Amino acid sequence: MKFISIPVGLVAMAIALPALSSTEVVYGEVTRVTPKYRTEISSIPQQRCEFVDVPVSTGESGMGGTILGGIAGGVIGNQFGGGTGKTAMTAIGAVIGSQVGRNLSEQSPSEGGTYRREKRCHTTEVQERREVISGYTYEYSSKYGSGMGESAHPLEVGQSIRLRMSLRPEL
């Protein structure tokens, strides 16, 4: 019977001990505050513009040059050959002349065409990194000792803070 009463007594004491502990509120003083930082990265759209020279189209798409070149080539080709050869040279001159005329009418502005100045813009994403305060680590002291804590809100050195102190008997 003795063995049964001892474990039951220990269990009863273990349950009763937390009831014997108490919590008191005491005051301490902040002795040091250190901010904690984290890096934030954000994307910011930026518009960039530049002026460019754009070739001006005549709207003919090479047809006028092709026709004039063909006529000129045919006239020049007709000056060569005789009989049926004259007809062949006229046809060959017309084909070559039309190609030369088309190439000249479509030549790029860098080869003598005209330009129009245009503003062209595009948007790019620029990443911005910045350090932001994510909280504070502080040290404190009281007549019962000192310690450290963390806070989301700023504290000042010398500020009085409430501390919860638990008292529990040790057996």
Protein backbone atom coordinates (compact mmCIF):
# COMPACT_ATOMS: atom_id res chain seq x y z
CA MET A 1 0.00 0.00 0.00
CA LYS A 2 2.92 2.34 0.61
CA PHE A 3 4.12 2.11 -3.01
CA ILE A 4 0.76 3.21 -4.37
CA SER A 5 0.46 6.24 -2.10
CA ILE A 6 3.92 7.66 -2.93
CA PRO A 7 3.36 7.89 -6.74
CA VAL A 8 -0.12 9.30 -6.19
CA GLY A 9 1.35 11.90 -3.83
CA LEU A 10 4.04 12.88 -6.41
CA VAL A 11 1.43 13.29 -9.12
CA ALA A 12 -0.71 15.44 -6.83
CA MET A 13 2.34 17.63 -6.01
CA ALA A 14 3.23 18.00 -9.71
CA ILE A 15 -0.28 19.19 -10.43
CA ALA A 16 -0.33 21.56 -7.46
CA LEU A 17 3.13 23.16 -8.08
CA PRO A 18 2.06 25.38 -11.00
CA ALA A 19 -0.70 26.70 -8.83
CA LEU A 20 1.96 27.76 -6.33
CA SER A 21 3.83 29.84 -8.92
CA SER A 22 2.93 33.47 -9.32
CA THR A 23 3.51 36.19 -11.89
CA GLU A 24 4.34 39.75 -11.00
CA VAL A 25 4.75 42.85 -13.13
CA VAL A 26 7.96 44.76 -12.41
CA TYR A 27 9.54 47.70 -14.22
CA GLY A 28 12.90 47.82 -15.92
CA GLU A 29 14.86 50.38 -17.88
CA VAL A 30 15.92 50.08 -21.53
CA THR A 31 19.72 50.25 -21.70
CA ARG A 32 20.34 49.63 -25.41
CA VAL A 33 18.27 49.55 -28.63
CA THR A 34 19.46 48.10 -31.95
CA PRO A 35 17.32 48.22 -35.10
CA LYS A 36 16.99 45.04 -37.19
CA TYR A 37 17.00 45.48 -40.99
CA ARG A 38 15.73 43.49 -43.94
CA THR A 39 16.22 44.08 -47.66
CA GLU A 40 13.19 44.90 -49.80
CA ILE A 41 13.35 44.62 -53.57
CA SER A 42 10.73 46.35 -55.68
CA SER A 43 10.31 46.70 -59.44
CA ILE A 44 9.65 50.21 -60.68
CA PRO A 45 8.54 50.79 -64.28
CA GLN A 46 10.57 53.46 -66.06
CA GLN A 47 9.84 54.93 -69.44
CA ARG A 48 12.85 55.66 -71.63
CA CYS A 49 12.50 57.71 -74.79
CA GLU A 50 14.84 58.54 -77.64
CA PHE A 51 14.59 60.36 -80.93
CA VAL A 52 15.30 58.31 -84.06
CA ASP A 53 15.50 59.15 -87.75
CA VAL A 54 12.93 57.19 -89.75
CA PRO A 55 13.06 56.92 -93.56
CA VAL A 56 10.20 58.71 -95.29
CA SER A 57 8.42 56.58 -97.89
CA THR A 58 7.45 58.24 -101.15
CA GLY A 59 4.41 56.01 -101.40
CA GLU A 60 5.40 54.81 -104.90
CA SER A 61 6.78 51.50 -103.61
CA GLY A 62 9.25 51.48 -106.53
CA MET A 63 6.69 51.44 -109.38
CA GLY A 64 7.59 54.81 -110.88
CA GLY A 65 11.30 53.98 -110.86
CA THR A 66 10.62 50.55 -112.36
CA ILE A 67 8.58 51.97 -115.25
CA LEU A 68 11.01 54.81 -116.00
CA GLY A 69 14.00 52.46 -115.76
CA GLY A 70 12.33 49.96 -118.11
CA ILE A 71 11.64 52.66 -120.71
CA ALA A 72 15.19 54.05 -120.48
CA GLY A 73 16.69 50.54 -120.65
CA GLY A 74 14.57 49.66 -123.68
CA VAL A 75 15.66 52.82 -125.51
CA ILE A 76 19.33 52.14 -124.76
CA GLY A 77 19.01 48.42 -125.70
CA ASN A 78 17.36 49.36 -128.99
CA GLN A 79 20.60 51.10 -130.02
CA PHE A 80 22.38 47.74 -130.24
CA GLY A 81 21.97 44.75 -132.50
CA GLY A 82 20.17 44.40 -135.81
CA GLY A 83 17.05 42.57 -137.01
CA THR A 84 15.72 40.12 -134.43
CA GLY A 85 18.84 40.88 -132.32
CA LYS A 86 17.65 44.46 -132.00
CA THR A 87 14.34 43.26 -130.50
CA ALA A 88 16.20 40.98 -128.06
CA MET A 89 18.55 43.80 -127.00
CA THR A 90 15.57 46.14 -126.48
CA ALA A 91 13.88 43.52 -124.23
CA ILE A 92 17.07 42.85 -122.26
CA GLY A 93 17.66 46.62 -121.86
CA ALA A 94 14.08 47.09 -120.61
CA VAL A 95 14.45 44.30 -117.98
CA ILE A 96 17.82 45.58 -116.73
CA GLY A 97 16.60 49.20 -116.78
CA SER A 98 13.47 48.34 -114.76
CA GLN A 99 15.61 46.62 -112.08
CA VAL A 100 17.99 49.57 -111.87
CA GLY A 101 15.05 52.02 -111.75
CA ARG A 102 13.33 50.07 -108.94
CA ASN A 103 16.55 49.88 -106.89
CA LEU A 104 17.12 53.62 -107.26
CA SER A 105 13.56 54.50 -106.24
CA GLU A 106 13.76 52.28 -103.13
CA GLN A 107 17.20 53.38 -102.03
CA SER A 108 17.58 53.92 -98.28
CA PRO A 109 17.77 57.39 -96.73
CA SER A 110 21.47 56.90 -96.04
CA GLU A 111 21.90 56.82 -99.80
CA GLY A 112 20.14 60.13 -100.41
CA GLY A 113 16.55 59.65 -99.18
CA THR A 114 14.78 61.81 -96.59
CA TYR A 115 14.23 61.31 -92.86
CA ARG A 116 11.52 62.15 -90.36
CA ARG A 117 12.48 62.52 -86.67
CA GLU A 118 10.28 60.42 -84.33
CA LYS A 119 10.18 59.99 -80.59
CA ARG A 120 10.15 56.29 -79.62
CA CYS A 121 9.52 55.20 -76.04
CA HIS A 122 9.63 51.87 -74.24
CA THR A 123 9.04 50.85 -70.64
CA THR A 124 11.53 48.81 -68.64
CA GLU A 125 11.43 47.45 -65.10
CA VAL A 126 14.17 48.74 -62.81
CA GLN A 127 14.78 46.88 -59.57
CA GLU A 128 15.33 49.00 -56.49
CA ARG A 129 16.85 47.55 -53.32
CA ARG A 130 16.46 49.27 -49.99
CA GLU A 131 17.04 48.44 -46.37
CA VAL A 132 14.02 48.85 -44.08
CA ILE A 133 13.73 48.45 -40.32
CA SER A 134 11.87 45.24 -39.50
CA GLY A 135 11.98 45.53 -35.70
CA TYR A 136 14.21 46.29 -32.73
CA THR A 137 16.34 44.29 -30.32
CA TYR A 138 16.67 45.90 -26.90
CA GLU A 139 18.49 45.26 -23.65
CA TYR A 140 17.03 46.13 -20.25
CA SER A 141 17.94 46.01 -16.58
CA SER A 142 15.85 45.89 -13.43
CA LYS A 143 16.52 45.38 -9.75
CA TYR A 144 15.97 41.63 -10.41
CA GLY A 145 18.50 41.33 -13.26
CA SER A 146 18.91 42.16 -16.94
CA GLY A 147 17.95 40.61 -20.24
CA MET A 148 17.12 41.10 -23.90
CA GLY A 149 13.92 41.36 -25.87
CA GLU A 150 12.50 42.16 -29.30
CA SER A 151 9.91 44.71 -30.27
CA ALA A 152 8.17 45.75 -33.46
CA HIS A 153 7.99 49.30 -32.12
CA PRO A 154 10.95 51.62 -31.41
CA LEU A 155 12.10 52.06 -27.82
CA GLU A 156 14.37 54.71 -26.37
CA VAL A 157 17.31 54.22 -24.03
CA GLY A 158 16.17 55.14 -20.53
CA GLN A 159 12.54 54.29 -21.26
CA SER A 160 10.70 52.39 -18.53
CA ILE A 161 9.17 49.09 -19.65
CA ARG A 162 6.94 46.56 -17.96
CA LEU A 163 8.44 43.13 -17.34
CA ARG A 164 6.49 40.05 -16.36
CA MET A 165 8.38 38.03 -13.80
CA SER A 166 7.37 34.48 -12.92
CA LEU A 167 8.15 33.10 -9.50
CA ARG A 168 8.10 29.34 -9.03
CA PRO A 169 9.38 27.36 -6.12
CA GLU A 170 12.21 24.95 -6.81
CA LEU A 171 12.15 21.64 -5.01
